């Protein structure tokens, strides 16, 4: 039981990191276009974006803890191991999270929901992969 909890926690943290990477990648991509080939300016921007990325990670962890715990519990209860299940659940949690952060119907037409859907989907796939790998490692030891 405790190894299942440790795997789930590790997978959830990895998923939060993956979602953060997807959202932060948008900022990094914009920064690359704005820097116009100036490497010093690009590196300065990368350093400046470290703090917002850390904040995004913390907010992601706070917003997804309870919904992710419910999804993980359901997957354990019904023995669901499908990466597609976790990807779709992650996408739904991503859409729910942005809806809670920005309480405006305009968010659904702005494209931001799409970013959070993709980030959640990647987070769900990451969770599935990490949990599967940790379980395989535990069985081999």
N, C-alpha and C. Protein backbone atom coordinates (compact mmCIF):
# COMPACT_ATOMS: atom_id res chain seq x y z
N UNK A 1 0.82 -1.20 0.00
CA UNK A 1 0.00 0.00 0.00
C UNK A 1 0.86 1.26 0.00
N UNK A 2 1.89 1.30 0.85
CA UNK A 2 2.72 2.50 0.92
C UNK A 2 3.52 2.69 -0.36
N UNK A 3 3.91 1.58 -1.01
CA UNK A 3 4.63 1.72 -2.27
C UNK A 3 3.71 2.27 -3.36
N UNK A 4 2.42 1.91 -3.31
CA UNK A 4 1.47 2.48 -4.26
C UNK A 4 1.33 3.98 -4.06
N UNK A 5 1.29 4.41 -2.80
CA UNK A 5 1.18 5.84 -2.50
C UNK A 5 2.43 6.58 -2.94
N UNK A 6 3.58 5.99 -2.70
CA UNK A 6 4.83 6.63 -3.10
C UNK A 6 4.92 6.74 -4.62
N UNK A 7 4.51 5.68 -5.32
CA UNK A 7 4.51 5.73 -6.78
C UNK A 7 3.54 6.79 -7.28
N UNK A 8 2.35 6.83 -6.70
CA UNK A 8 1.34 7.80 -7.12
C UNK A 8 1.83 9.22 -6.87
N UNK A 9 2.45 9.44 -5.73
CA UNK A 9 2.95 10.78 -5.40
C UNK A 9 4.06 11.18 -6.36
N UNK A 10 4.98 10.27 -6.61
CA UNK A 10 6.07 10.55 -7.55
C UNK A 10 5.55 10.81 -8.95
N UNK A 11 4.58 10.02 -9.38
CA UNK A 11 3.98 10.23 -10.70
C UNK A 11 3.24 11.54 -10.79
N UNK A 12 2.54 11.90 -9.72
CA UNK A 12 1.81 13.17 -9.70
C UNK A 12 2.78 14.34 -9.77
N UNK A 13 3.86 14.29 -9.00
CA UNK A 13 4.85 15.37 -9.06
C UNK A 13 5.47 15.47 -10.45
N UNK A 14 5.77 14.33 -11.04
CA UNK A 14 6.32 14.34 -12.40
C UNK A 14 5.31 14.93 -13.38
N UNK A 15 4.04 14.61 -13.21
CA UNK A 15 3.00 15.18 -14.05
C UNK A 15 2.89 16.69 -13.88
N UNK A 16 2.99 17.15 -12.65
CA UNK A 16 2.98 18.61 -12.41
C UNK A 16 4.17 19.27 -13.09
N UNK A 17 5.32 18.61 -13.02
CA UNK A 17 6.51 19.14 -13.69
C UNK A 17 6.33 19.17 -15.20
N UNK A 18 5.72 18.14 -15.75
CA UNK A 18 5.49 18.09 -17.20
C UNK A 18 4.52 19.18 -17.64
N UNK A 19 3.46 19.38 -16.87
CA UNK A 19 2.49 20.44 -17.20
C UNK A 19 3.17 21.81 -17.12
N UNK A 20 4.00 22.00 -16.12
CA UNK A 20 4.75 23.25 -15.98
C UNK A 20 5.65 23.46 -17.19
N UNK A 21 6.30 22.40 -17.63
CA UNK A 21 7.20 22.51 -18.78
C UNK A 21 6.44 22.91 -20.04
N UNK A 22 5.24 22.36 -20.23
CA UNK A 22 4.45 22.70 -21.42
C UNK A 22 4.05 24.17 -21.38
N UNK A 23 3.55 24.63 -20.23
CA UNK A 23 3.12 26.03 -20.12
C UNK A 23 4.32 26.96 -20.23
N UNK A 24 5.43 26.62 -19.60
CA UNK A 24 6.63 27.46 -19.64
C UNK A 24 7.26 27.47 -21.03
N UNK A 25 7.08 26.39 -21.78
CA UNK A 25 7.64 26.34 -23.14
C UNK A 25 7.04 27.41 -24.03
N UNK A 26 5.79 27.77 -23.79
CA UNK A 26 5.17 28.84 -24.57
C UNK A 26 5.91 30.16 -24.31
N UNK A 27 6.19 30.43 -23.04
CA UNK A 27 6.96 31.64 -22.71
C UNK A 27 8.35 31.61 -23.29
N UNK A 28 8.99 30.45 -23.23
CA UNK A 28 10.34 30.32 -23.80
C UNK A 28 10.31 30.52 -25.31
N UNK A 29 9.31 29.99 -25.97
CA UNK A 29 9.20 30.15 -27.42
C UNK A 29 9.00 31.61 -27.80
N UNK A 30 8.12 32.29 -27.07
CA UNK A 30 7.93 33.72 -27.32
C UNK A 30 9.23 34.49 -27.08
N UNK A 31 9.94 34.10 -26.05
CA UNK A 31 11.22 34.75 -25.74
C UNK A 31 12.23 34.56 -26.87
N UNK A 32 12.24 33.39 -27.47
CA UNK A 32 13.16 33.15 -28.59
C UNK A 32 12.85 34.08 -29.76
N UNK A 33 11.57 34.28 -30.03
CA UNK A 33 11.20 35.17 -31.13
C UNK A 33 11.55 36.62 -30.81
N UNK A 34 11.31 37.03 -29.56
CA UNK A 34 11.57 38.41 -29.16
C UNK A 34 13.06 38.72 -29.13
N UNK A 35 13.89 37.75 -28.77
CA UNK A 35 15.34 37.99 -28.66
C UNK A 35 15.99 38.19 -30.02
N UNK A 36 15.38 37.72 -31.09
CA UNK A 36 15.86 37.90 -32.46
C UNK A 36 17.33 37.53 -32.64
N UNK A 37 17.73 36.40 -32.05
CA UNK A 37 19.09 35.90 -32.25
C UNK A 37 20.12 36.44 -31.29
N UNK A 38 19.74 37.36 -30.40
CA UNK A 38 20.68 37.90 -29.41
C UNK A 38 20.77 36.89 -28.25
N UNK A 39 21.87 36.15 -28.21
CA UNK A 39 22.02 35.07 -27.23
C UNK A 39 22.03 35.61 -25.81
N UNK A 40 22.70 36.73 -25.57
CA UNK A 40 22.75 37.30 -24.22
C UNK A 40 21.35 37.67 -23.75
N UNK A 41 20.57 38.26 -24.63
CA UNK A 41 19.20 38.64 -24.28
C UNK A 41 18.35 37.40 -24.03
N UNK A 42 18.56 36.36 -24.82
CA UNK A 42 17.83 35.11 -24.65
C UNK A 42 18.17 34.48 -23.30
N UNK A 43 19.44 34.41 -22.95
CA UNK A 43 19.84 33.83 -21.66
C UNK A 43 19.30 34.64 -20.48
N UNK A 44 19.32 35.95 -20.62
CA UNK A 44 18.76 36.80 -19.57
C UNK A 44 17.27 36.50 -19.40
N UNK A 45 16.56 36.34 -20.50
CA UNK A 45 15.14 36.02 -20.43
C UNK A 45 14.87 34.67 -19.81
N UNK A 46 15.74 33.69 -20.11
CA UNK A 46 15.59 32.35 -19.53
C UNK A 46 15.71 32.43 -18.00
N UNK A 47 16.69 33.19 -17.53
CA UNK A 47 16.88 33.34 -16.08
C UNK A 47 15.67 34.04 -15.46
N UNK A 48 15.16 35.06 -16.14
CA UNK A 48 14.01 35.80 -15.62
C UNK A 48 12.77 34.90 -15.55
N UNK A 49 12.64 33.95 -16.48
CA UNK A 49 11.47 33.08 -16.50
C UNK A 49 11.55 31.91 -15.50
N UNK A 50 12.67 31.76 -14.80
CA UNK A 50 12.78 30.67 -13.82
C UNK A 50 11.79 30.84 -12.67
N UNK A 51 11.68 32.05 -12.14
CA UNK A 51 10.76 32.28 -11.02
C UNK A 51 9.30 32.06 -11.43
N UNK A 52 8.84 32.62 -12.57
CA UNK A 52 7.47 32.32 -12.97
C UNK A 52 7.23 30.83 -13.19
N UNK A 53 8.22 30.12 -13.69
CA UNK A 53 8.06 28.67 -13.88
C UNK A 53 7.89 27.96 -12.54
N UNK A 54 8.64 28.38 -11.53
CA UNK A 54 8.49 27.79 -10.20
C UNK A 54 7.11 28.09 -9.63
N UNK A 55 6.62 29.30 -9.86
CA UNK A 55 5.28 29.67 -9.38
C UNK A 55 4.23 28.83 -10.11
N UNK A 56 4.40 28.62 -11.41
CA UNK A 56 3.47 27.80 -12.18
C UNK A 56 3.45 26.38 -11.61
N UNK A 57 4.62 25.85 -11.26
CA UNK A 57 4.69 24.50 -10.69
C UNK A 57 3.91 24.42 -9.38
N UNK A 58 4.12 25.39 -8.51
CA UNK A 58 3.43 25.38 -7.21
C UNK A 58 1.91 25.49 -7.40
N UNK A 59 1.48 26.39 -8.27
CA UNK A 59 0.05 26.56 -8.52
C UNK A 59 -0.54 25.29 -9.13
N UNK A 60 0.22 24.66 -10.04
CA UNK A 60 -0.23 23.41 -10.64
C UNK A 60 -0.41 22.35 -9.58
N UNK A 61 0.53 22.24 -8.68
CA UNK A 61 0.42 21.26 -7.60
C UNK A 61 -0.80 21.54 -6.72
N UNK A 62 -1.02 22.80 -6.38
CA UNK A 62 -2.14 23.15 -5.52
C UNK A 62 -3.49 22.89 -6.20
N UNK A 63 -3.59 23.25 -7.48
CA UNK A 63 -4.87 23.11 -8.17
C UNK A 63 -5.21 21.67 -8.55
N UNK A 64 -4.20 20.84 -8.72
CA UNK A 64 -4.47 19.48 -9.20
C UNK A 64 -4.44 18.42 -8.12
N UNK A 65 -4.08 18.76 -6.92
CA UNK A 65 -3.91 17.74 -5.88
C UNK A 65 -5.18 16.91 -5.67
N UNK A 66 -6.29 17.56 -5.42
CA UNK A 66 -7.51 16.82 -5.12
C UNK A 66 -8.08 16.12 -6.36
N UNK A 67 -8.20 16.82 -7.51
CA UNK A 67 -8.71 16.09 -8.68
C UNK A 67 -7.81 14.92 -9.08
N UNK A 68 -6.51 15.10 -9.00
CA UNK A 68 -5.60 14.01 -9.35
C UNK A 68 -5.74 12.84 -8.37
N UNK A 69 -5.92 13.15 -7.09
CA UNK A 69 -6.10 12.10 -6.10
C UNK A 69 -7.36 11.28 -6.40
N UNK A 70 -8.43 11.96 -6.82
CA UNK A 70 -9.66 11.26 -7.18
C UNK A 70 -9.44 10.35 -8.39
N UNK A 71 -8.75 10.87 -9.42
CA UNK A 71 -8.46 10.08 -10.61
C UNK A 71 -7.59 8.88 -10.26
N UNK A 72 -6.58 9.10 -9.44
CA UNK A 72 -5.68 8.01 -9.04
C UNK A 72 -6.46 6.96 -8.24
N UNK A 73 -7.32 7.41 -7.34
CA UNK A 73 -8.12 6.47 -6.55
C UNK A 73 -9.03 5.65 -7.46
N UNK A 74 -9.69 6.34 -8.41
CA UNK A 74 -10.55 5.61 -9.36
C UNK A 74 -9.77 4.59 -10.17
N UNK A 75 -8.57 4.98 -10.60
CA UNK A 75 -7.77 4.06 -11.40
C UNK A 75 -7.34 2.84 -10.59
N UNK A 76 -7.06 3.04 -9.31
CA UNK A 76 -6.70 1.92 -8.45
C UNK A 76 -7.92 1.05 -8.15
N UNK A 77 -9.04 1.69 -7.90
CA UNK A 77 -10.27 0.98 -7.56
C UNK A 77 -10.73 0.08 -8.71
N UNK A 78 -10.65 0.61 -9.93
CA UNK A 78 -11.13 -0.13 -11.10
C UNK A 78 -9.99 -0.74 -11.92
N UNK A 79 -8.78 -0.69 -11.36
CA UNK A 79 -7.59 -1.27 -12.01
C UNK A 79 -7.40 -0.76 -13.44
N UNK A 80 -7.50 0.55 -13.59
CA UNK A 80 -7.31 1.18 -14.89
C UNK A 80 -5.83 1.53 -15.03
N UNK A 81 -5.20 1.06 -16.09
CA UNK A 81 -3.79 1.32 -16.32
C UNK A 81 -3.55 2.00 -17.67
N UNK A 82 -4.60 2.41 -18.33
CA UNK A 82 -4.53 2.97 -19.67
C UNK A 82 -3.91 4.37 -19.68
N UNK A 83 -2.91 4.55 -20.53
CA UNK A 83 -2.31 5.88 -20.68
C UNK A 83 -3.34 6.86 -21.23
N UNK A 84 -4.23 6.39 -22.09
CA UNK A 84 -5.27 7.26 -22.65
C UNK A 84 -6.20 7.77 -21.54
N UNK A 85 -6.52 6.90 -20.57
CA UNK A 85 -7.36 7.32 -19.45
C UNK A 85 -6.69 8.46 -18.68
N UNK A 86 -5.41 8.28 -18.35
CA UNK A 86 -4.70 9.30 -17.58
C UNK A 86 -4.49 10.57 -18.39
N UNK A 87 -4.25 10.43 -19.69
CA UNK A 87 -4.10 11.60 -20.55
C UNK A 87 -5.38 12.41 -20.61
N UNK A 88 -6.49 11.73 -20.82
CA UNK A 88 -7.78 12.42 -20.90
C UNK A 88 -8.18 13.01 -19.54
N UNK A 89 -7.93 12.29 -18.48
CA UNK A 89 -8.22 12.81 -17.15
C UNK A 89 -7.36 14.04 -16.87
N UNK A 90 -6.09 13.99 -17.27
CA UNK A 90 -5.21 15.14 -17.09
C UNK A 90 -5.69 16.34 -17.89
N UNK A 91 -6.15 16.10 -19.12
CA UNK A 91 -6.68 17.20 -19.94
C UNK A 91 -7.90 17.82 -19.28
N UNK A 92 -8.77 16.99 -18.73
CA UNK A 92 -9.95 17.51 -18.04
C UNK A 92 -9.55 18.32 -16.80
N UNK A 93 -8.56 17.84 -16.07
CA UNK A 93 -8.09 18.57 -14.89
C UNK A 93 -7.45 19.89 -15.33
N UNK A 94 -6.73 19.89 -16.45
CA UNK A 94 -6.14 21.12 -16.97
C UNK A 94 -7.21 22.15 -17.31
N UNK A 95 -8.26 21.71 -18.00
CA UNK A 95 -9.36 22.62 -18.35
C UNK A 95 -10.06 23.13 -17.09
N UNK A 96 -10.26 22.25 -16.11
CA UNK A 96 -10.86 22.65 -14.85
C UNK A 96 -10.00 23.68 -14.13
N UNK A 97 -8.70 23.47 -14.15
CA UNK A 97 -7.78 24.38 -13.44
C UNK A 97 -7.81 25.78 -14.03
N UNK A 98 -7.74 25.90 -15.35
CA UNK A 98 -7.75 27.24 -15.95
C UNK A 98 -9.11 27.89 -15.75
N UNK A 99 -10.17 27.08 -15.71
CA UNK A 99 -11.50 27.64 -15.47
C UNK A 99 -11.62 28.18 -14.05
N UNK A 100 -10.92 27.55 -13.11
CA UNK A 100 -10.93 28.06 -11.73
C UNK A 100 -10.04 29.30 -11.59
N UNK A 101 -8.94 29.34 -12.33
CA UNK A 101 -8.04 30.48 -12.25
C UNK A 101 -8.63 31.73 -12.89
N UNK A 102 -9.23 31.57 -14.04
CA UNK A 102 -9.79 32.70 -14.79
C UNK A 102 -11.28 32.44 -14.95
N UNK A 103 -12.05 33.13 -14.18
CA UNK A 103 -13.50 32.91 -14.17
C UNK A 103 -14.21 33.80 -15.20
N UNK A 104 -13.89 33.54 -16.44
CA UNK A 104 -14.52 34.29 -17.52
C UNK A 104 -14.80 33.33 -18.66
N UNK A 105 -15.98 33.44 -19.26
CA UNK A 105 -16.28 32.57 -20.40
C UNK A 105 -15.33 32.82 -21.59
N UNK A 106 -14.72 34.00 -21.63
CA UNK A 106 -13.81 34.33 -22.73
C UNK A 106 -12.57 33.44 -22.74
N UNK A 107 -12.25 32.84 -21.61
CA UNK A 107 -11.07 31.98 -21.55
C UNK A 107 -11.22 30.78 -22.49
N UNK A 108 -12.47 30.35 -22.72
CA UNK A 108 -12.72 29.19 -23.58
C UNK A 108 -12.54 29.51 -25.05
N UNK A 109 -12.59 30.78 -25.42
CA UNK A 109 -12.39 31.14 -26.82
C UNK A 109 -11.02 31.77 -27.07
N UNK A 110 -10.24 31.98 -26.03
CA UNK A 110 -8.95 32.66 -26.17
C UNK A 110 -7.81 31.75 -26.61
N UNK A 111 -7.97 30.47 -26.47
CA UNK A 111 -6.89 29.54 -26.79
C UNK A 111 -6.13 29.09 -25.56
N UNK A 112 -6.32 29.76 -24.45
CA UNK A 112 -5.62 29.37 -23.22
C UNK A 112 -6.08 28.01 -22.73
N UNK A 113 -7.35 27.70 -22.93
CA UNK A 113 -7.85 26.39 -22.51
C UNK A 113 -7.15 25.29 -23.30
N UNK A 114 -6.90 25.54 -24.56
CA UNK A 114 -6.18 24.56 -25.38
C UNK A 114 -4.79 24.27 -24.83
N UNK A 115 -4.11 25.32 -24.39
CA UNK A 115 -2.78 25.14 -23.78
C UNK A 115 -2.87 24.29 -22.53
N UNK A 116 -3.87 24.56 -21.70
CA UNK A 116 -4.01 23.80 -20.46
C UNK A 116 -4.52 22.38 -20.71
N UNK A 117 -5.30 22.20 -21.77
CA UNK A 117 -5.70 20.84 -22.15
C UNK A 117 -4.47 20.02 -22.55
N UNK A 118 -3.61 20.62 -23.36
CA UNK A 118 -2.39 19.93 -23.79
C UNK A 118 -1.48 19.68 -22.58
N UNK A 119 -1.32 20.68 -21.73
CA UNK A 119 -0.47 20.51 -20.54
C UNK A 119 -1.01 19.40 -19.65
N UNK A 120 -2.32 19.35 -19.46
CA UNK A 120 -2.92 18.30 -18.64
C UNK A 120 -2.78 16.94 -19.27
N UNK A 121 -2.94 16.87 -20.60
CA UNK A 121 -2.80 15.60 -21.30
C UNK A 121 -1.37 15.08 -21.15
N UNK A 122 -0.40 15.95 -21.33
CA UNK A 122 1.01 15.56 -21.17
C UNK A 122 1.28 15.14 -19.72
N UNK A 123 0.68 15.85 -18.76
CA UNK A 123 0.85 15.50 -17.35
C UNK A 123 0.27 14.11 -17.07
N UNK A 124 -0.89 13.82 -17.62
CA UNK A 124 -1.49 12.50 -17.43
C UNK A 124 -0.66 11.39 -18.03
N UNK A 125 -0.14 11.63 -19.24
CA UNK A 125 0.73 10.63 -19.86
C UNK A 125 2.01 10.44 -19.05
N UNK A 126 2.54 11.54 -18.55
CA UNK A 126 3.76 11.46 -17.72
C UNK A 126 3.48 10.66 -16.46
N UNK A 127 2.35 10.93 -15.82
CA UNK A 127 1.98 10.16 -14.63
C UNK A 127 1.94 8.68 -14.95
N UNK A 128 1.26 8.34 -16.03
CA UNK A 128 1.12 6.93 -16.41
C UNK A 128 2.48 6.29 -16.64
N UNK A 129 3.34 6.98 -17.35
CA UNK A 129 4.67 6.45 -17.65
C UNK A 129 5.50 6.26 -16.38
N UNK A 130 5.51 7.28 -15.52
CA UNK A 130 6.34 7.22 -14.31
C UNK A 130 5.85 6.11 -13.38
N UNK A 131 4.55 6.02 -13.19
CA UNK A 131 4.00 4.99 -12.30
C UNK A 131 4.31 3.59 -12.85
N UNK A 132 4.17 3.44 -14.14
CA UNK A 132 4.46 2.15 -14.77
C UNK A 132 5.94 1.79 -14.61
N UNK A 133 6.82 2.75 -14.81
CA UNK A 133 8.26 2.51 -14.67
C UNK A 133 8.64 2.21 -13.22
N UNK A 134 8.07 2.94 -12.28
CA UNK A 134 8.37 2.70 -10.87
C UNK A 134 7.89 1.32 -10.44
N UNK A 135 6.72 0.91 -10.93
CA UNK A 135 6.20 -0.42 -10.59
C UNK A 135 7.10 -1.51 -11.18
N UNK A 136 7.55 -1.32 -12.40
CA UNK A 136 8.45 -2.29 -13.03
C UNK A 136 9.78 -2.36 -12.28
N UNK A 137 10.26 -1.22 -11.83
CA UNK A 137 11.52 -1.22 -11.07
C UNK A 137 11.35 -1.95 -9.74
N UNK A 138 10.24 -1.71 -9.06
CA UNK A 138 10.00 -2.37 -7.78
C UNK A 138 9.89 -3.89 -7.94
N UNK A 139 9.32 -4.33 -9.04
CA UNK A 139 9.18 -5.78 -9.27
C UNK A 139 10.52 -6.42 -9.60
N UNK A 140 11.41 -5.65 -10.21
CA UNK A 140 12.71 -6.21 -10.60
C UNK A 140 13.70 -6.27 -9.43
N UNK A 141 13.42 -5.50 -8.40
CA UNK A 141 14.35 -5.45 -7.26
C UNK A 141 14.06 -6.54 -6.26
